[in-house]
Amino acid sequence: MTVHDLSHLVCPEFQTRSNSATLSNGLTGAIRRNASFLSDSESTKRDMVELLGVPARQIQVVHLACDRTRFQPVSDLQVIQRLREKYRLPEQPFVLTLCRLEPRKNLTAVVRACQQVFQTSPDLPFHLVIAGGDGWGNQASELTKLTSDRVHLTGAVDDADLAALYSSASVFTCMSFYEGFCLPILEAMSCGCPVVHSDTSAMPEIAGGAGLAASPYDVNQIARHIESVLRDPTLTHRLQAGGLARANQFSWARAADETMRMYDCLLQSKSLRGDCNVDQTTRSHVAA
């Protein structure tokens, strides 16, 4: 069984009761059958050991990746201009966050952090762009109340436009309370966009020191990181270079190979008790 995250246990307040019950029942049944597991991150693996009591030897971490043929820096000015017109993006620099609009994503903290910088640093002519479709919790309605002439909601963004959107942003933020992996961090880094992310769950593991980490509960710290990137070209360049290098360490080919080897090992084993441990050396450099 592949386990992407344990959000229904770590932060059940961000799940419906029916969804939590479905996830718990499925995991309980798999554990009773002594199943072997794949997890997207070391963070999720730790959660499984601590919260579910699954022996570590029965869990194999296989990191995800982003498609580097799609997610790479976009510098074509005509493409960027068409993107701005399509989604009514500001001509000035902007901070970007991209996710489903739901409480677990902690979007109100990002809005408040940017509003704080708007007030304390009026010389910084930047905007906040919140991209993504509405999710659980009616968050879009709440966020609409916080919008202004410098806070914009684009709605859902077409997949074909994502690389240009990341490339156009001055800063990408992901301040979720919890993530089992967080692909947008990798996507933003692959497009050369500096990242400010939460210091919780899998996000530091995925960013690997190539972004700026902040507590999702500390609006002041989030604001300081955003302002630092907007003001400091040297920091921006360092984060861009580090992010590109970090994103290149993740590979879908490696993820597929590790997953197939795990299944092959299980098929050949007489006991499905998690005795298979795929050789970690091929991905040790992307572990947390």
Protein backbone atom coordinates (compact mmCIF):
# COMPACT_ATOMS: atom_id res chain seq x y z
CA MET A 1 0.00 0.00 0.00
CA THR A 2 1.20 3.50 -0.82
CA VAL A 3 0.62 6.09 1.91
CA HIS A 4 0.93 9.69 0.77
CA ASP A 5 0.32 11.29 4.16
CA LEU A 6 -1.47 10.86 7.48
CA SER A 7 -3.25 14.20 7.54
CA HIS A 8 -6.41 12.55 8.87
CA LEU A 9 -4.46 11.64 12.01
CA VAL A 10 -2.00 14.52 12.31
CA CYS A 11 -4.56 17.26 11.66
CA PRO A 12 -8.03 15.68 11.62
CA GLU A 13 -9.65 19.11 11.90
CA PHE A 14 -8.82 19.59 8.21
CA GLN A 15 -10.67 16.45 7.07
CA THR A 16 -14.30 15.44 6.90
CA ARG A 17 -15.31 12.68 9.32
CA SER A 18 -16.28 10.36 6.48
CA ASN A 19 -12.93 10.78 4.74
CA SER A 20 -11.01 10.20 7.99
CA ALA A 21 -13.04 7.05 8.67
CA THR A 22 -12.38 5.69 5.17
CA LEU A 23 -8.64 6.30 5.44
CA SER A 24 -8.40 4.82 8.94
CA ASN A 25 -10.33 1.70 7.96
CA GLY A 26 -8.13 1.09 4.93
CA LEU A 27 -4.91 1.51 6.90
CA THR A 28 -6.13 -0.65 9.78
CA GLY A 29 -6.96 -3.48 7.41
CA ALA A 30 -3.59 -3.28 5.69
CA ILE A 31 -1.72 -3.29 9.02
CA ARG A 32 -3.65 -6.34 10.19
CA ARG A 33 -2.55 -8.16 7.04
CA ASN A 34 1.09 -7.26 7.74
CA ALA A 35 1.24 -5.28 4.52
CA SER A 36 4.36 -3.62 3.24
CA PHE A 37 4.13 0.10 2.56
CA LEU A 38 5.52 2.77 0.29
CA SER A 39 5.59 6.36 1.58
CA ASP A 40 6.33 9.58 -0.28
CA SER A 41 8.69 10.96 2.36
CA GLU A 42 10.71 10.18 5.46
CA SER A 43 8.28 12.46 7.28
CA THR A 44 5.29 10.27 6.42
CA LYS A 45 7.30 7.19 7.34
CA ARG A 46 7.99 8.65 10.80
CA ASP A 47 4.30 9.42 11.20
CA MET A 48 3.43 5.82 10.33
CA VAL A 49 5.88 4.44 12.86
CA GLU A 50 4.82 6.83 15.63
CA LEU A 51 1.07 7.02 15.06
CA LEU A 52 0.27 3.60 13.63
CA GLY A 53 3.01 1.45 15.12
CA VAL A 54 4.11 0.13 11.74
CA PRO A 55 7.64 -1.33 11.97
CA ALA A 56 10.09 0.87 10.06
CA ARG A 57 11.38 -2.15 8.12
CA GLN A 58 7.95 -2.51 6.49
CA ILE A 59 8.03 1.00 5.04
CA GLN A 60 10.01 1.97 1.96
CA VAL A 61 10.37 5.69 1.16
CA VAL A 62 10.09 6.56 -2.53
CA HIS A 63 10.32 10.27 -3.19
CA LEU A 64 8.12 11.73 -5.88
CA ALA A 65 9.41 14.17 -8.51
CA CYS A 66 8.20 16.79 -10.96
CA ASP A 67 8.36 16.53 -14.74
CA ARG A 68 11.49 18.52 -15.57
CA THR A 69 10.56 18.56 -19.27
CA ARG A 70 7.53 20.66 -18.28
CA PHE A 71 8.77 22.53 -15.24
CA GLN A 72 11.72 24.68 -16.18
CA PRO A 73 12.34 28.43 -16.28
CA VAL A 74 10.22 30.28 -18.86
CA SER A 75 11.83 33.45 -20.18
CA ASP A 76 9.76 34.08 -23.33
CA LEU A 77 8.27 37.54 -22.77
CA GLN A 78 5.34 36.88 -25.09
CA VAL A 79 4.39 33.75 -23.14
CA ILE A 80 4.64 35.68 -19.88
CA GLN A 81 2.51 38.53 -21.21
CA ARG A 82 -0.19 36.14 -22.46
CA LEU A 83 -0.21 34.54 -19.01
CA ARG A 84 -0.64 37.92 -17.31
CA GLU A 85 -3.54 38.81 -19.59
CA LYS A 86 -5.24 35.42 -19.23
CA TYR A 87 -5.23 35.44 -15.43
CA ARG A 88 -5.24 39.24 -14.96
CA LEU A 89 -1.92 39.15 -13.15
CA PRO A 90 -0.27 42.38 -11.99
CA GLU A 91 2.52 43.90 -14.05
CA GLN A 92 4.50 44.41 -10.84
CA PRO A 93 6.44 41.66 -8.98
CA PHE A 94 4.23 39.21 -7.13
CA VAL A 95 4.35 36.55 -4.43
CA LEU A 96 2.65 33.34 -5.54
CA THR A 97 0.93 30.56 -3.67
CA LEU A 98 -0.62 27.66 -5.58
CA CYS A 99 -2.86 25.03 -4.00
CA ARG A 100 -6.42 24.00 -3.38
CA LEU A 101 -8.10 26.68 -1.32
CA GLU A 102 -8.70 24.84 1.95
CA PRO A 103 -7.86 25.45 5.64
CA ARG A 104 -4.88 23.05 5.82
CA LYS A 105 -3.01 25.23 3.31
CA ASN A 106 -2.92 28.12 5.82
CA LEU A 107 -3.52 30.75 3.17
CA THR A 108 -4.75 33.37 5.61
CA ALA A 109 -1.28 33.46 7.20
CA VAL A 110 0.26 34.20 3.79
CA VAL A 111 -2.27 36.96 3.18
CA ARG A 112 -1.64 38.51 6.58
CA ALA A 113 2.14 38.28 6.11
CA CYS A 114 1.93 40.09 2.78
CA GLN A 115 -0.46 42.68 4.16
CA GLN A 116 2.05 43.31 6.93
CA VAL A 117 4.79 43.95 4.37
CA PHE A 118 2.42 46.18 2.38
CA GLN A 119 2.01 48.35 5.47
CA THR A 120 5.55 48.36 6.84
CA SER A 121 7.36 48.61 3.49
CA PRO A 122 5.31 50.80 1.16
CA ASP A 123 8.36 51.18 -1.07
CA LEU A 124 8.04 47.53 -2.17
CA PRO A 125 5.61 47.51 -5.13
CA PHE A 126 4.56 43.84 -5.03
CA HIS A 127 1.30 41.90 -5.08
CA LEU A 128 0.07 38.52 -3.79
CA VAL A 129 -1.41 36.02 -6.25
CA ILE A 130 -3.35 33.05 -4.86
CA ALA A 131 -3.88 30.43 -7.57
CA GLY A 132 -5.98 27.29 -7.29
CA GLY A 133 -9.49 25.94 -7.23
CA ASP A 134 -11.74 25.80 -4.20
CA GLY A 135 -11.32 22.79 -1.91
CA TRP A 136 -12.83 21.56 1.33
CA GLY A 137 -13.89 24.09 3.94
CA ASN A 138 -15.28 26.94 1.80
CA GLN A 139 -11.91 28.70 2.00
CA ALA A 140 -12.43 30.65 -1.20
CA SER A 141 -15.28 32.62 0.35
CA GLU A 142 -13.15 33.53 3.36
CA LEU A 143 -10.19 34.52 1.21
CA THR A 144 -12.34 36.70 -1.00
CA LYS A 145 -13.00 38.90 2.04
CA LEU A 146 -9.23 39.42 2.37
CA THR A 147 -8.58 40.37 -1.24
CA SER A 148 -7.64 43.90 -2.21
CA ASP A 149 -6.11 45.72 -5.14
CA ARG A 150 -2.86 43.90 -4.23
CA VAL A 151 -4.27 40.45 -3.33
CA HIS A 152 -5.62 38.45 -6.28
CA LEU A 153 -7.45 35.12 -6.60
CA THR A 154 -7.00 33.59 -10.07
CA GLY A 155 -9.05 30.42 -9.61
CA ALA A 156 -7.80 27.16 -11.09
CA VAL A 157 -4.82 27.40 -13.44
CA ASP A 158 -4.39 25.25 -16.55
CA ASP A 159 -1.56 22.73 -16.26
CA ALA A 160 0.02 24.11 -19.43
CA ASP A 161 0.39 27.52 -17.75
CA LEU A 162 2.02 26.41 -14.50
CA ALA A 163 5.66 26.69 -15.55
CA ALA A 164 5.16 30.23 -16.83
CA LEU A 165 3.26 31.15 -13.66
CA TYR A 166 6.05 29.90 -11.38
CA SER A 167 8.65 31.59 -13.59
CA SER A 168 6.81 34.92 -13.42
CA ALA A 169 6.65 34.98 -9.62
CA SER A 170 9.28 36.67 -7.46
CA VAL A 171 8.60 34.35 -4.49
CA PHE A 172 6.64 31.12 -4.10
CA THR A 173 5.16 30.38 -0.68
CA CYS A 174 3.86 27.13 0.75
CA MET A 175 2.88 27.64 4.38
CA SER A 176 0.70 24.55 4.88
CA PHE A 177 0.25 23.16 8.36
CA TYR A 178 1.02 19.68 7.01
CA GLU A 179 2.13 18.04 3.75
CA GLY A 180 3.09 14.46 2.98
CA PHE A 181 5.38 15.62 0.17
CA CYS A 182 4.44 18.95 -1.54
CA LEU A 183 5.06 18.82 -5.28
CA PRO A 184 4.57 22.59 -5.79
CA ILE A 185 7.83 23.23 -3.90
CA LEU A 186 9.72 21.14 -6.45
CA GLU A 187 7.81 22.64 -9.36
CA ALA A 188 8.61 26.19 -8.25
CA MET A 189 12.29 25.36 -7.70
CA SER A 190 12.48 23.71 -11.13
CA CYS A 191 11.22 26.96 -12.66
CA GLY A 192 13.81 29.05 -10.84
CA CYS A 193 11.42 30.62 -8.34
CA PRO A 194 12.70 31.23 -4.76
CA VAL A 195 10.67 29.33 -2.18
CA VAL A 196 9.47 30.21 1.33
CA HIS A 197 7.97 27.14 3.00
CA SER A 198 6.67 25.79 6.29
CA ASP A 199 9.11 24.18 8.70
CA THR A 200 6.69 21.30 9.35
CA SER A 201 6.15 17.75 8.10
CA ALA A 202 7.78 16.88 4.74
CA MET A 203 8.42 20.38 3.45
CA PRO A 204 11.94 20.90 4.90
CA GLU A 205 12.84 17.41 3.66
CA ILE A 206 11.78 18.23 0.11
CA ALA A 207 13.27 21.73 0.02
CA GLY A 208 16.52 20.38 1.44
CA GLY A 209 17.80 23.75 2.62
CA ALA A 210 17.26 25.37 -0.78
CA GLY A 211 14.35 27.49 0.48
CA LEU A 212 13.61 29.66 3.50
CA ALA A 213 11.71 27.84 6.26
CA ALA A 214 9.24 29.55 8.60
CA SER A 215 6.74 28.44 11.19
CA PRO A 216 3.24 28.34 9.68
CA TYR A 217 2.04 29.98 12.91
CA ASP A 218 4.49 32.91 12.79
CA VAL A 219 3.16 35.61 10.46
CA ASN A 220 6.07 37.91 11.35
CA GLN A 221 8.66 35.32 10.30
CA ILE A 222 6.81 34.61 7.04
CA ALA A 223 6.69 38.34 6.33
CA ARG A 224 10.42 38.75 7.03
CA HIS A 225 11.34 35.93 4.65
CA ILE A 226 9.13 37.29 1.88
CA GLU A 227 10.54 40.80 2.28
CA SER A 228 14.13 39.47 2.38
CA VAL A 229 13.74 37.76 -0.99
CA LEU A 230 12.01 40.76 -2.54
CA ARG A 231 14.75 43.14 -1.35
CA ASP A 232 17.92 41.09 -1.75
CA PRO A 233 19.00 40.14 -5.31
CA THR A 234 21.92 38.12 -3.91
CA LEU A 235 19.59 36.02 -1.76
CA THR A 236 17.21 35.61 -4.70
CA HIS A 237 20.02 34.35 -6.93
CA ARG A 238 21.23 31.93 -4.24
CA LEU A 239 17.75 30.49 -3.73
CA GLN A 240 17.18 30.19 -7.47
CA ALA A 241 20.45 28.33 -8.04
CA GLY A 242 19.99 26.14 -4.96
CA GLY A 243 16.40 25.37 -5.87
CA LEU A 244 17.27 24.30 -9.40
CA ALA A 245 20.03 22.03 -8.11
CA ARG A 246 17.76 20.55 -5.45
CA ALA A 247 14.89 19.86 -7.84
CA ASN A 248 17.28 18.06 -10.21
CA GLN A 249 17.98 15.51 -7.47
CA PHE A 250 14.44 14.13 -7.74
CA SER A 251 13.56 11.86 -10.62
CA TRP A 252 10.38 10.10 -11.76
CA ALA A 253 12.57 7.46 -13.40
CA ARG A 254 14.16 6.70 -10.02
CA ALA A 255 10.76 6.71 -8.31
CA ALA A 256 9.41 4.25 -10.87
CA ASP A 257 12.47 2.02 -10.58
CA GLU A 258 12.36 1.92 -6.77
CA THR A 259 8.62 1.21 -6.79
CA MET A 260 8.97 -1.62 -9.31
CA ARG A 261 11.86 -3.17 -7.41
CA MET A 262 9.80 -3.12 -4.22
CA TYR A 263 6.87 -4.87 -5.90
CA ASP A 264 9.20 -7.37 -7.61
CA CYS A 265 10.78 -8.20 -4.25
CA LEU A 266 7.38 -8.73 -2.65
CA LEU A 267 6.19 -10.94 -5.49
CA GLN A 268 9.26 -13.12 -5.11
CA SER A 269 9.00 -13.32 -1.34
CA LYS A 270 7.12 -16.07 0.45
CA SER A 271 6.32 -13.67 3.28
CA LEU A 272 4.77 -10.23 2.71
CA ARG A 273 6.12 -8.92 6.01
CA GLY A 274 8.18 -6.08 4.65
CA ASP A 275 11.50 -7.90 4.44
CA CYS A 276 12.24 -6.06 1.21
CA ASN A 277 14.33 -2.94 1.56
CA VAL A 278 15.17 -1.37 -1.77
CA ASP A 279 18.79 -0.25 -1.92
CA GLN A 280 18.82 3.30 -0.58
CA THR A 281 22.10 4.34 -2.19
CA THR A 282 20.45 5.56 -5.39
CA ARG A 283 18.54 8.26 -3.50
CA SER A 284 20.50 8.76 -0.29
CA HIS A 285 21.49 12.25 -1.38
CA VAL A 286 17.85 13.38 -1.42
CA ALA A 287 17.00 12.10 2.05
CA ALA A 288 16.32 14.69 4.72
